Amino acid sequence: MRLKFSDCVLDLSARQLERANKIVPLEPKMYELLEVLIKRRPAVVSNNELDELLWPKVYVARTSLTRLVSELRSVLGDAPRDSRIIRTAYKAGYAFCADVTAQPARSAAATIEVLWRKQAMPLTEGEHIAGRDAECSLVIEGSTVSRRHARITVAHGAATIE
């Protein structure tokens, strides 16, 4: 399902965010935060629940969630004082407040995907950089993965990995 809000489109099946018709790389926790907030809109999701969903069975400081929300707002073109997308419910949590419209799925579905820890990451035609770096189009968390680990090129239904 593709959900349009502001100048963004969130493709839940592809786990991708587009802003101004360009794919925006999101680190996994940032994507999870956006997905939780948009699926539960317009309800406020409590800080404690977000902590448990994003960092299960791990203690993290409140600043971790605050930083993640701040980074997500920046990617979405939102601001805390004039929030049009993510609303802060002070000392309670956060809520997705933008108007959302469903869009039809893209007709050309990806036939090639990378599977990492039970998460499928579809690959479209073109070049994809996989690694730990948030700038990579395929962000892969793992201690054995380098910042820019591999280049995957998809052309005519085939993939080449360097």
Protein backbone atom coordinates (compact mmCIF):
# COMPACT_ATOMS: atom_id res chain seq x y z
CA MET A 1 0.00 0.00 0.00
CA ARG A 2 1.24 3.49 -0.88
CA LEU A 3 0.27 6.35 1.43
CA LYS A 4 0.60 9.96 0.25
CA PHE A 5 1.01 12.86 2.67
CA SER A 6 2.48 16.32 2.19
CA ASP A 7 5.05 15.92 -0.63
CA CYS A 8 5.85 12.35 0.48
CA VAL A 9 4.72 8.84 -0.45
CA LEU A 10 5.32 5.95 1.94
CA ASP A 11 5.29 2.57 0.20
CA LEU A 12 4.60 0.05 2.96
CA SER A 13 5.17 -3.03 0.80
CA ALA A 14 8.53 -1.75 -0.51
CA ARG A 15 9.45 -0.14 2.84
CA GLN A 16 10.45 3.02 0.98
CA LEU A 17 9.81 6.72 1.39
CA GLU A 18 9.69 9.08 -1.57
CA ARG A 19 9.82 12.83 -1.16
CA ALA A 20 9.38 15.10 -4.17
CA ASN A 21 9.50 11.96 -6.39
CA LYS A 22 12.93 10.89 -5.07
CA ILE A 23 13.59 7.90 -2.85
CA VAL A 24 14.78 9.01 0.57
CA PRO A 25 16.95 6.51 2.47
CA LEU A 26 15.70 5.86 6.00
CA GLU A 27 17.58 3.98 8.67
CA PRO A 28 15.52 1.00 9.92
CA LYS A 29 14.51 2.58 13.25
CA MET A 30 13.39 5.76 11.49
CA TYR A 31 11.27 3.72 9.06
CA GLU A 32 9.75 1.72 11.96
CA LEU A 33 8.87 4.95 13.78
CA LEU A 34 7.19 6.41 10.70
CA GLU A 35 5.30 3.17 10.04
CA VAL A 36 3.98 2.94 13.61
CA LEU A 37 2.87 6.58 13.68
CA ILE A 38 1.18 6.50 10.26
CA LYS A 39 -0.61 3.20 10.94
CA ARG A 40 -1.96 4.46 14.28
CA ARG A 41 -2.92 7.93 13.11
CA PRO A 42 -4.41 10.12 14.52
CA ALA A 43 -3.85 8.48 17.94
CA VAL A 44 -0.95 9.48 20.14
CA VAL A 45 1.58 6.67 20.58
CA SER A 46 3.15 6.97 24.02
CA ASN A 47 6.86 7.50 24.53
CA ASN A 48 7.08 4.27 26.54
CA GLU A 49 5.34 2.26 23.83
CA LEU A 50 7.58 3.72 21.13
CA ASP A 51 10.65 2.87 23.21
CA GLU A 52 9.45 -0.73 23.59
CA LEU A 53 8.59 -1.07 19.88
CA LEU A 54 11.82 0.48 18.60
CA TRP A 55 14.26 -0.85 21.22
CA PRO A 56 12.64 -3.99 22.66
CA LYS A 57 14.11 -5.27 25.94
CA VAL A 58 16.85 -2.62 25.84
CA TYR A 59 17.07 0.50 27.99
CA VAL A 60 17.65 3.66 25.99
CA ALA A 61 17.65 7.24 27.17
CA ARG A 62 14.66 9.40 26.28
CA THR A 63 16.98 11.44 24.10
CA SER A 64 17.24 8.49 21.68
CA LEU A 65 13.55 8.78 20.79
CA THR A 66 13.71 12.57 20.71
CA ARG A 67 16.70 12.45 18.33
CA LEU A 68 14.98 9.88 16.09
CA VAL A 69 11.81 11.99 15.87
CA SER A 70 13.89 15.09 15.12
CA GLU A 71 15.76 13.31 12.31
CA LEU A 72 12.51 11.94 10.86
CA ARG A 73 10.94 15.39 10.93
CA SER A 74 13.95 16.76 9.08
CA VAL A 75 13.66 14.08 6.37
CA LEU A 76 9.92 14.79 6.01
CA GLY A 77 10.34 18.57 5.90
CA ASP A 78 8.49 19.02 9.19
CA ALA A 79 9.32 21.19 12.21
CA PRO A 80 8.41 20.72 15.89
CA ARG A 81 6.95 24.21 16.41
CA ASP A 82 4.88 24.21 13.21
CA SER A 83 4.29 20.48 12.88
CA ARG A 84 2.21 19.50 9.88
CA ILE A 85 3.18 15.81 9.91
CA ILE A 86 4.33 14.64 13.36
CA ARG A 87 2.66 16.25 16.36
CA THR A 88 4.26 16.20 19.79
CA ALA A 89 1.92 15.39 22.67
CA TYR A 90 4.13 16.90 25.37
CA LYS A 91 5.29 14.44 28.05
CA ALA A 92 3.05 11.79 26.44
CA GLY A 93 4.22 10.79 22.95
CA TYR A 94 3.81 11.54 19.26
CA ALA A 95 1.04 11.38 16.68
CA PHE A 96 0.90 11.46 12.88
CA CYS A 97 -1.28 14.46 12.01
CA ALA A 98 -0.97 14.96 8.22
CA ASP A 99 -3.80 14.13 5.83
CA VAL A 100 -3.12 10.78 4.17
CA THR A 101 -4.50 9.41 0.90
CA ALA A 102 -4.00 5.87 -0.37
CA GLN A 103 -2.48 5.52 -3.83
CA PRO A 104 -2.62 2.50 -6.12
CA ALA A 105 0.41 0.24 -6.10
CA ARG A 106 2.97 0.67 -8.83
CA SER A 107 2.27 -1.51 -11.84
CA ALA A 108 5.85 -2.68 -12.30
CA ALA A 109 6.62 -4.66 -9.16
CA ALA A 110 10.20 -5.48 -8.32
CA THR A 111 11.12 -9.07 -9.12
CA ILE A 112 14.46 -9.01 -7.35
CA GLU A 113 14.87 -8.46 -3.64
CA VAL A 114 17.49 -8.71 -0.91
CA LEU A 115 16.45 -10.68 2.15
CA TRP A 116 18.17 -9.63 5.40
CA ARG A 117 17.04 -11.00 8.77
CA LYS A 118 13.56 -11.84 7.47
CA GLN A 119 13.15 -8.35 5.95
CA ALA A 120 12.64 -8.24 2.18
CA MET A 121 14.09 -5.19 0.43
CA PRO A 122 12.83 -4.97 -3.18
CA LEU A 123 15.29 -3.77 -5.80
CA THR A 124 14.20 -1.69 -8.77
CA GLU A 125 16.16 -1.11 -11.96
CA GLY A 126 19.38 0.82 -11.35
CA GLU A 127 22.15 0.98 -8.79
CA HIS A 128 21.75 0.32 -5.07
CA ILE A 129 24.41 0.74 -2.37
CA ALA A 130 24.10 -1.61 0.61
CA GLY A 131 25.78 -0.95 3.95
CA ARG A 132 25.46 0.41 7.50
CA ASP A 133 25.66 4.07 6.46
CA ALA A 134 22.32 5.91 6.63
CA GLU A 135 23.10 7.36 3.18
CA CYS A 136 22.95 3.87 1.60
CA SER A 137 19.81 2.98 -0.33
CA LEU A 138 19.81 -0.43 1.42
CA VAL A 139 20.65 0.14 5.09
CA ILE A 140 21.77 -3.11 6.72
CA GLU A 141 22.49 -3.23 10.43
CA GLY A 142 25.18 -5.72 11.34
CA SER A 143 28.60 -5.71 12.92
CA THR A 144 30.09 -7.57 9.93
CA VAL A 145 28.67 -5.10 7.38
CA SER A 146 30.84 -2.14 6.38
CA ARG A 147 29.53 1.41 5.90
CA ARG A 148 29.41 0.99 2.11
CA HIS A 149 29.45 -2.78 1.77
CA ALA A 150 28.26 -3.61 -1.75
CA ARG A 151 26.95 -2.11 -4.97
CA ILE A 152 24.01 -3.98 -6.50
CA THR A 153 23.07 -3.10 -10.06
CA VAL A 154 19.73 -4.30 -11.42
CA ALA A 155 19.27 -4.29 -15.19
CA HIS A 156 16.82 -6.21 -17.37
CA GLY A 157 15.69 -8.51 -14.55
CA ALA A 158 19.23 -9.50 -13.47
CA ALA A 159 21.36 -8.30 -10.56
CA THR A 160 25.12 -7.82 -10.39
CA ILE A 161 26.85 -7.47 -7.03
CA GLU A 162 30.22 -5.78 -6.55
